[in-house]
Protein backbone atom coordinates (compact mmCIF):
# COMPACT_ATOMS: atom_id res chain seq x y z
CA MET A 1 0.01 0.00 -0.02
CA ASN A 2 1.24 3.48 -0.89
CA TRP A 3 1.05 5.42 2.42
CA LYS A 4 2.46 8.57 0.71
CA PHE A 5 -0.62 8.87 -1.53
CA TRP A 6 -0.14 12.66 -1.81
CA GLN A 7 3.15 12.14 -3.67
CA LYS A 8 2.79 11.60 -7.39
CA LYS A 9 4.38 8.48 -8.87
CA VAL A 10 6.85 9.31 -11.64
CA ASP A 11 6.37 7.31 -14.78
CA PRO A 12 9.94 6.62 -16.11
CA ASN A 13 8.50 6.15 -19.65
CA LYS A 14 6.77 9.53 -19.62
CA PRO A 15 8.85 12.41 -20.84
CA PRO A 16 9.15 15.27 -18.29
CA LYS A 17 7.22 18.54 -18.76
CA SER A 18 9.04 21.32 -20.57
CA LYS A 19 9.66 24.57 -18.79
CA ILE A 20 7.13 26.31 -20.96
CA ARG A 21 4.40 23.82 -20.02
CA GLU A 22 5.33 24.06 -16.34
CA TRP A 23 5.07 27.85 -16.45
CA GLY A 24 1.80 27.52 -18.37
CA ASP A 25 0.33 25.13 -15.76
CA ALA A 26 1.45 27.41 -12.95
CA LEU A 27 -0.12 30.51 -14.68
CA LEU A 28 -3.36 28.70 -15.33
CA PHE A 29 -3.56 27.60 -11.68
CA ALA A 30 -2.85 31.20 -10.50
CA VAL A 31 -5.55 32.59 -12.76
CA ILE A 32 -8.18 30.04 -11.58
CA ALA A 33 -7.21 30.57 -7.94
CA ALA A 34 -7.30 34.40 -8.20
CA THR A 35 -10.66 34.30 -10.04
CA LEU A 36 -12.19 32.13 -7.33
CA ILE A 37 -10.85 34.43 -4.58
CA ARG A 38 -12.14 37.63 -6.10
CA THR A 39 -15.46 36.02 -7.08
CA PHE A 40 -16.29 34.37 -3.73
CA LEU A 41 -14.05 35.91 -0.98
CA VAL A 42 -12.35 39.24 -1.42
CA GLU A 43 -11.86 41.69 -4.30
CA ALA A 44 -9.74 44.81 -4.56
CA TYR A 45 -11.27 48.13 -5.55
CA THR A 46 -10.09 51.73 -5.78
CA ILE A 47 -11.86 55.01 -4.99
CA PRO A 48 -12.12 57.09 -8.18
CA THR A 49 -14.31 59.98 -7.11
CA SER A 50 -14.85 62.22 -4.09
CA SER A 51 -18.52 61.19 -3.31
CA MET A 52 -17.39 59.50 -0.04
CA GLU A 53 -14.97 62.32 1.19
CA LYS A 54 -13.57 62.42 3.76
CA SER A 55 -14.64 58.97 4.97
CA LEU A 56 -12.94 57.54 1.84
CA LEU A 57 -10.48 59.43 -0.27
CA ILE A 58 -9.66 59.48 -4.00
CA GLY A 59 -6.71 57.08 -4.26
CA ASP A 60 -7.84 54.73 -1.50
CA PHE A 61 -7.36 51.10 -2.48
CA LEU A 62 -9.83 48.77 -0.69
CA PHE A 63 -10.49 45.16 -0.02
CA VAL A 64 -14.24 44.38 -0.44
CA SER A 65 -15.57 41.35 1.42
CA LYS A 66 -17.84 39.07 -0.64
CA ILE A 67 -18.49 36.78 2.23
CA SER A 68 -20.04 39.47 4.44
CA TYR A 69 -23.34 39.31 2.64
CA GLY A 70 -22.76 36.08 0.72
CA ALA A 71 -21.00 35.85 -2.57
CA ARG A 72 -23.10 36.38 -5.62
CA ILE A 73 -23.04 33.57 -8.20
CA PRO A 74 -21.82 35.11 -11.53
CA MET A 75 -24.85 35.88 -13.71
CA THR A 76 -22.60 36.36 -16.75
CA PRO A 77 -20.09 33.55 -16.30
CA ILE A 78 -18.34 33.78 -19.66
CA ALA A 79 -15.96 36.70 -19.17
CA PHE A 80 -12.29 37.60 -19.57
CA PRO A 81 -10.35 37.13 -16.27
CA PHE A 82 -9.73 40.26 -14.18
CA ALA A 83 -11.63 42.55 -16.59
CA HIS A 84 -15.06 43.84 -15.32
CA HIS A 85 -16.97 44.89 -18.34
CA THR A 86 -14.56 46.43 -20.82
CA MET A 87 -11.22 45.22 -22.19
CA PRO A 88 -8.47 47.64 -21.15
CA ILE A 89 -6.90 48.21 -24.55
CA THR A 90 -9.45 47.51 -27.24
CA GLY A 91 -12.39 49.00 -25.31
CA THR A 92 -14.57 46.02 -26.37
CA LYS A 93 -16.89 43.96 -24.15
CA ALA A 94 -15.02 41.70 -21.70
CA TYR A 95 -17.94 39.31 -21.41
CA SER A 96 -20.39 37.31 -23.52
CA GLU A 97 -24.15 36.98 -22.84
CA ILE A 98 -24.50 33.66 -24.55
CA VAL A 99 -24.88 32.08 -21.11
CA HIS A 100 -26.92 33.87 -18.51
CA TRP A 101 -27.69 32.55 -14.97
CA ASN A 102 -30.40 33.77 -12.71
CA TYR A 103 -29.59 35.66 -9.53
CA HIS A 104 -28.38 33.43 -6.62
CA ARG A 105 -26.30 34.24 -3.54
CA LEU A 106 -24.35 31.93 -1.31
CA PRO A 107 -24.94 32.17 2.49
CA GLY A 108 -22.93 34.98 4.08
CA LEU A 109 -21.91 36.15 7.50
CA GLY A 110 -24.82 38.57 7.63
CA HIS A 111 -26.96 41.03 5.76
CA VAL A 112 -26.56 44.63 4.65
CA GLN A 113 -27.01 46.89 7.74
CA ARG A 114 -27.69 50.55 7.93
CA ASN A 115 -24.56 52.63 7.62
CA ASP A 116 -22.52 49.84 6.03
CA VAL A 117 -20.23 51.10 3.28
CA VAL A 118 -21.29 48.95 0.33
CA VAL A 119 -20.02 48.23 -3.21
CA PHE A 120 -22.81 47.58 -5.69
CA ASN A 121 -23.59 47.68 -9.42
CA TYR A 122 -24.91 50.98 -10.69
CA PRO A 123 -28.60 50.20 -11.48
CA LEU A 124 -29.27 52.60 -14.32
CA GLU A 125 -26.81 50.88 -16.68
CA TYR A 126 -29.70 48.73 -17.89
CA LYS A 127 -30.33 51.70 -20.22
CA GLU A 128 -28.65 52.56 -23.53
CA PRO A 129 -25.87 53.07 -24.46
CA PHE A 130 -24.64 50.43 -21.97
CA SER A 131 -27.43 47.89 -21.56
CA ARG A 132 -25.17 45.80 -19.43
CA PRO A 133 -26.24 42.73 -17.42
CA VAL A 134 -26.49 43.29 -13.70
CA ASP A 135 -23.15 41.90 -12.64
CA LYS A 136 -21.32 43.78 -15.42
CA ARG A 137 -22.66 47.19 -14.49
CA GLU A 138 -20.19 49.84 -13.13
CA ASN A 139 -19.20 49.31 -9.51
CA TYR A 140 -20.23 52.10 -7.17
CA ILE A 141 -19.46 52.62 -3.51
CA LYS A 142 -21.74 54.49 -1.07
CA ARG A 143 -23.10 54.19 2.44
CA CYS A 144 -26.30 52.26 2.86
CA VAL A 145 -28.47 54.61 4.82
CA GLY A 146 -31.77 52.73 4.38
CA ILE A 147 -32.61 49.01 4.36
CA PRO A 148 -35.73 47.23 3.24
CA GLY A 149 -38.89 48.47 4.99
CA ASP A 150 -37.33 51.76 6.09
CA SER A 151 -38.92 55.14 5.50
CA LEU A 152 -36.40 57.85 4.81
CA GLU A 153 -36.38 61.66 4.68
CA VAL A 154 -33.88 64.44 4.40
CA ILE A 155 -34.82 67.64 6.21
CA ASN A 156 -32.55 70.63 5.84
CA SER A 157 -29.61 68.33 4.94
CA LEU A 158 -30.20 66.08 8.00
CA LEU A 159 -31.17 62.46 7.34
CA TYR A 160 -34.00 60.87 9.20
CA VAL A 161 -34.77 57.17 9.07
CA ASN A 162 -38.07 55.92 10.48
CA ASN A 163 -38.66 59.38 11.88
CA LYS A 164 -35.44 59.30 13.89
CA LEU A 165 -32.25 61.33 13.24
CA ALA A 166 -29.92 58.96 11.45
CA TYR A 167 -26.19 58.31 11.75
CA GLN A 168 -24.03 61.27 10.56
CA ALA A 169 -20.60 60.21 9.25
CA PRO A 170 -18.08 62.09 11.38
CA ASN A 171 -15.90 62.77 8.30
CA GLY A 172 -18.78 63.52 5.93
CA GLN A 173 -18.70 66.79 3.93
CA MET A 174 -21.15 69.33 2.76
CA GLU A 175 -20.99 72.68 0.97
CA TYR A 176 -20.18 75.88 2.85
CA ILE A 177 -20.11 79.45 1.74
CA VAL A 178 -17.34 81.47 3.30
CA THR A 179 -17.09 85.28 3.32
CA THR A 180 -14.00 87.27 4.33
CA ASN A 181 -13.23 90.85 5.21
CA GLY A 182 -11.99 91.38 1.65
CA THR A 183 -8.63 89.63 1.95
CA ASP A 184 -7.88 86.27 0.42
CA ILE A 185 -7.62 83.06 2.40
CA ASN A 186 -4.14 81.57 2.37
CA PRO A 187 -4.41 78.49 0.09
CA GLU A 188 -1.75 76.63 2.02
CA ILE A 189 -3.97 76.75 5.14
CA ILE A 190 -6.82 75.21 3.11
CA ASN A 191 -4.50 72.52 1.69
CA ASP A 192 -3.20 71.66 5.14
CA MET A 193 -6.75 71.08 6.30
CA GLY A 194 -7.17 68.54 3.44
CA VAL A 195 -9.87 70.60 1.80
CA THR A 196 -9.66 69.69 -1.85
CA GLU A 197 -12.91 70.91 -3.37
CA GLY A 198 -14.07 74.40 -3.91
CA GLY A 199 -12.42 77.81 -4.16
CA LEU A 200 -12.98 81.48 -4.79
CA MET A 201 -16.44 82.34 -6.17
CA GLY A 202 -16.14 86.10 -6.23
CA THR A 203 -14.78 89.05 -4.31
CA ALA A 204 -14.31 87.92 -0.67
CA ILE A 205 -16.65 84.86 -1.22
CA TYR A 206 -15.55 81.27 -1.26
CA GLN A 207 -17.26 77.94 -1.66
CA PHE A 208 -15.72 74.83 0.01
CA LEU A 209 -16.85 71.25 0.46
CA MET A 210 -15.64 70.32 3.91
CA THR A 211 -16.29 68.61 7.18
CA GLN A 212 -17.89 70.35 10.20
CA GLU A 213 -14.48 70.25 11.93
CA ASN A 214 -12.84 72.07 9.04
CA ALA A 215 -15.69 74.53 8.85
CA LYS A 216 -14.94 75.47 12.48
CA LYS A 217 -11.26 75.86 11.71
CA VAL A 218 -12.05 78.12 8.71
CA GLN A 219 -14.39 80.18 10.93
CA ALA A 220 -11.52 80.75 13.36
CA LEU A 221 -9.27 82.39 10.68
CA SER A 222 -8.81 86.07 11.43
CA ASN A 223 -9.94 87.35 8.06
CA VAL A 224 -13.10 85.13 7.89
CA LYS A 225 -16.49 86.83 8.71
CA THR A 226 -19.00 84.00 8.18
CA VAL A 227 -19.07 80.28 7.35
CA THR A 228 -22.59 79.13 6.34
CA ALA A 229 -23.80 75.73 5.26
CA ASN A 230 -25.40 76.08 1.75
CA ILE A 231 -28.66 74.26 2.42
CA ARG A 232 -31.28 74.27 -0.36
CA ALA A 233 -34.60 75.45 1.01
CA LYS A 234 -37.67 73.17 0.93
CA GLY A 235 -39.58 73.61 -2.30
CA THR A 236 -36.56 74.78 -4.22
CA VAL A 237 -36.22 72.46 -7.10
CA ALA A 238 -32.81 72.79 -8.82
CA GLU A 239 -31.89 69.17 -9.68
CA VAL A 240 -33.40 66.41 -11.59
CA LEU A 241 -33.99 63.92 -8.86
CA PHE A 242 -35.63 60.51 -8.51
CA PRO A 243 -38.50 59.81 -9.19
CA TYR A 244 -38.33 62.55 -11.93
CA ASP A 245 -41.70 64.05 -11.18
CA ALA A 246 -41.13 67.56 -9.69
CA ILE A 247 -44.85 68.31 -9.73
CA HIS A 248 -45.74 65.57 -7.29
CA PHE A 249 -42.28 65.23 -5.66
CA PRO A 250 -40.85 68.80 -5.39
CA TRP A 251 -37.71 67.66 -3.63
CA ASN A 252 -34.05 68.76 -3.64
CA ILE A 253 -30.89 67.24 -2.24
CA ASP A 254 -31.29 68.84 1.14
CA ASN A 255 -35.05 68.37 1.53
CA TYR A 256 -35.99 64.93 0.11
CA GLY A 257 -38.80 62.50 0.73
CA LYS A 258 -40.47 60.99 2.67
CA ILE A 259 -39.87 57.78 0.66
CA TYR A 260 -40.51 54.09 1.45
CA ILE A 261 -37.78 51.54 0.72
CA PRO A 262 -39.34 48.38 -0.74
CA LYS A 263 -39.03 45.13 1.14
CA LYS A 264 -39.51 41.62 -0.31
CA GLY A 265 -43.11 40.52 0.21
CA ALA A 266 -44.42 44.03 1.00
CA THR A 267 -47.27 45.40 -1.00
CA VAL A 268 -47.80 48.97 -2.17
CA LYS A 269 -50.87 50.66 -3.81
CA LEU A 270 -50.38 51.78 -7.32
CA ASP A 271 -51.90 55.06 -8.58
CA SER A 272 -51.06 57.89 -10.93
CA ILE A 273 -48.64 59.34 -8.43
CA SER A 274 -46.99 56.37 -6.74
CA ILE A 275 -46.18 54.63 -10.06
CA ALA A 276 -43.35 57.07 -10.60
CA LEU A 277 -41.60 55.58 -7.59
CA TYR A 278 -42.02 51.92 -8.56
CA ARG A 279 -42.16 51.78 -12.34
CA THR A 280 -38.55 50.81 -12.82
CA ILE A 281 -38.74 48.17 -10.08
CA ILE A 282 -41.83 46.52 -11.67
CA GLU A 283 -40.70 46.65 -15.34
CA VAL A 284 -36.90 46.40 -15.16
CA TYR A 285 -35.55 45.05 -11.90
CA GLU A 286 -38.38 42.42 -11.45
CA GLY A 287 -39.01 41.77 -15.11
CA ASN A 288 -42.78 42.36 -15.45
CA LYS A 289 -44.80 43.72 -18.38
CA LEU A 290 -46.49 46.97 -17.17
CA GLU A 291 -49.23 48.71 -19.17
CA GLU A 292 -51.58 51.54 -18.53
CA LYS A 293 -54.93 51.63 -20.18
CA ASN A 294 -57.70 54.13 -19.35
CA GLY A 295 -56.19 54.87 -16.00
CA GLN A 296 -55.90 51.15 -15.12
CA PHE A 297 -52.55 49.43 -14.52
CA ILE A 298 -52.11 45.98 -16.14
CA ILE A 299 -49.18 43.79 -15.00
CA ASN A 300 -48.48 40.75 -17.10
CA GLY A 301 -51.90 40.90 -18.57
CA THR A 302 -53.78 41.19 -15.27
CA PRO A 303 -55.44 44.42 -14.01
CA ALA A 304 -53.71 45.58 -10.78
CA ASN A 305 -54.07 48.36 -8.21
CA SER A 306 -51.17 47.15 -6.03
CA TYR A 307 -47.84 45.36 -6.38
CA THR A 308 -45.91 42.98 -4.17
CA PHE A 309 -42.14 43.19 -4.31
CA LYS A 310 -40.05 40.15 -5.19
CA MET A 311 -36.74 41.53 -3.89
CA ASP A 312 -35.31 43.68 -1.13
CA TYR A 313 -34.10 47.13 -1.97
CA TYR A 314 -31.62 49.60 -0.42
CA TRP A 315 -30.97 53.31 -0.36
CA MET A 316 -27.41 54.51 -0.88
CA MET A 317 -25.99 58.00 -0.20
CA GLY A 318 -22.43 59.43 -0.31
CA ASP A 319 -20.91 61.01 2.81
CA ASN A 320 -19.95 63.99 0.61
CA ARG A 321 -23.68 64.97 0.58
CA HIS A 322 -23.39 68.00 -1.81
CA ASN A 323 -21.22 66.18 -4.29
CA SER A 324 -22.54 62.67 -4.62
CA ALA A 325 -24.57 61.15 -7.43
CA ASP A 326 -26.51 58.72 -5.27
CA SER A 327 -29.95 57.26 -4.68
CA ARG A 328 -31.48 60.71 -4.60
CA PHE A 329 -30.60 60.93 -8.28
CA TRP A 330 -31.34 57.38 -9.45
CA GLY A 331 -33.40 55.57 -6.77
CA PHE A 332 -33.37 52.13 -5.23
CA VAL A 333 -30.63 49.55 -5.39
CA PRO A 334 -31.99 45.98 -5.85
CA GLU A 335 -30.49 43.23 -3.72
CA ASP A 336 -29.10 41.44 -6.86
CA HIS A 337 -26.93 44.49 -7.48
CA ILE A 338 -25.13 44.16 -4.11
CA VAL A 339 -21.46 43.16 -4.57
CA GLY A 340 -19.94 43.29 -1.12
CA LYS A 341 -18.98 45.21 1.98
CA ALA A 342 -16.10 47.64 2.00
CA TRP A 343 -13.74 46.11 4.52
CA MET A 344 -10.20 47.60 4.72
CA ILE A 345 -7.98 50.14 3.09
CA TRP A 346 -4.74 48.34 2.09
CA LEU A 347 -3.14 51.30 0.30
CA SER A 348 -3.86 55.06 0.02
CA TYR A 349 -2.11 57.12 -2.64
CA ASP A 350 -2.33 60.91 -3.06
CA SER A 351 -1.40 61.72 -6.62
CA ASN A 352 -1.24 65.43 -5.90
CA ALA A 353 1.41 65.15 -3.18
CA GLY A 354 5.11 65.98 -3.77
CA ASN A 355 7.61 63.13 -3.53
CA ILE A 356 6.87 59.44 -3.59
CA PHE A 357 7.04 59.09 0.18
CA SER A 358 4.53 61.82 0.82
CA LYS A 359 2.16 60.45 -1.87
CA ILE A 360 1.44 57.42 0.28
CA ARG A 361 -0.97 58.20 3.13
CA TRP A 362 0.71 55.99 5.63
CA SER A 363 -1.90 56.48 8.39
CA ARG A 364 -4.63 55.05 6.30
CA ILE A 365 -2.98 51.79 5.39
CA PHE A 366 -4.65 48.65 6.83
CA SER A 367 -7.37 50.84 8.42
CA ILE A 368 -10.85 49.23 8.79
CA ILE A 369 -13.70 51.06 6.97
CA HIS A 370 -16.58 52.36 9.10
């Protein structure tokens, strides 16, 4: 009996592998192993925009945990390794839709919780010119501020969930208008604070996106007269916001809602006003045929005055509240779009810094994301 069964027997009559084949086998194994790890365990992402400033910074490199919420089985399994939706050089599609699998998710360590920082697929890329399948839509990262069944409202820039003041990210930013006594603010002082967005608007007037802590520091400058949060008044409609019906929903980014976040199994009434909130869910995310005839809604050929949701939905917002394209602009995030939980910063790189050593934000490396 061969007690060392884990050791391969060498066939003396079989020629040894060439170096090229050995390297090829090793490369194939590495690709398969890396693909399995990034699909089912952990994947690396980078922060490209300032929508999460200062909680997350442009140039932060993250590990995103797939097991926190359960890894999603690939819905578009035929794809080029390590490319998301587009080939890096040719710009062509990095996947094929010949094979498509329905949405399934493996058991995870838990579920999406309020205030988790979540990576998800951008829902609106079902539209032209992209028309991408769910798992090949662009990856976004925001804070989940509302979970299925919550009601949510923004009042004078403050977020309320279920009629209670919600979590406020300590490093979150908003827009401030700063007036001086006529002299300029030293730009080096602003840079040292880490304020990277905004600048001079006119004589003695500045606009900055910054944290409350930095707003207090700016207020303390000897030549600064006032620092005022630029909050859009209720009823002032300046943006095109979800659900794109300003007559019935005259909201802006600082006074938004109240809005209900759909929960699987919950039922809502449908009428000429509420349909704006749920049309995309019914038609696109949950794949029904929706028609309107003589004021009557018809779903899959059956008259309906209500709808029962098949999936859970989430509400995502950036911590940089005045510079974030989030659910206020495009609505609900379906559960099948959830990718994973932002877990840890493994590298942070400031491309605007001076030398190579100062470009690395050493204090952020291996920090856990909250």
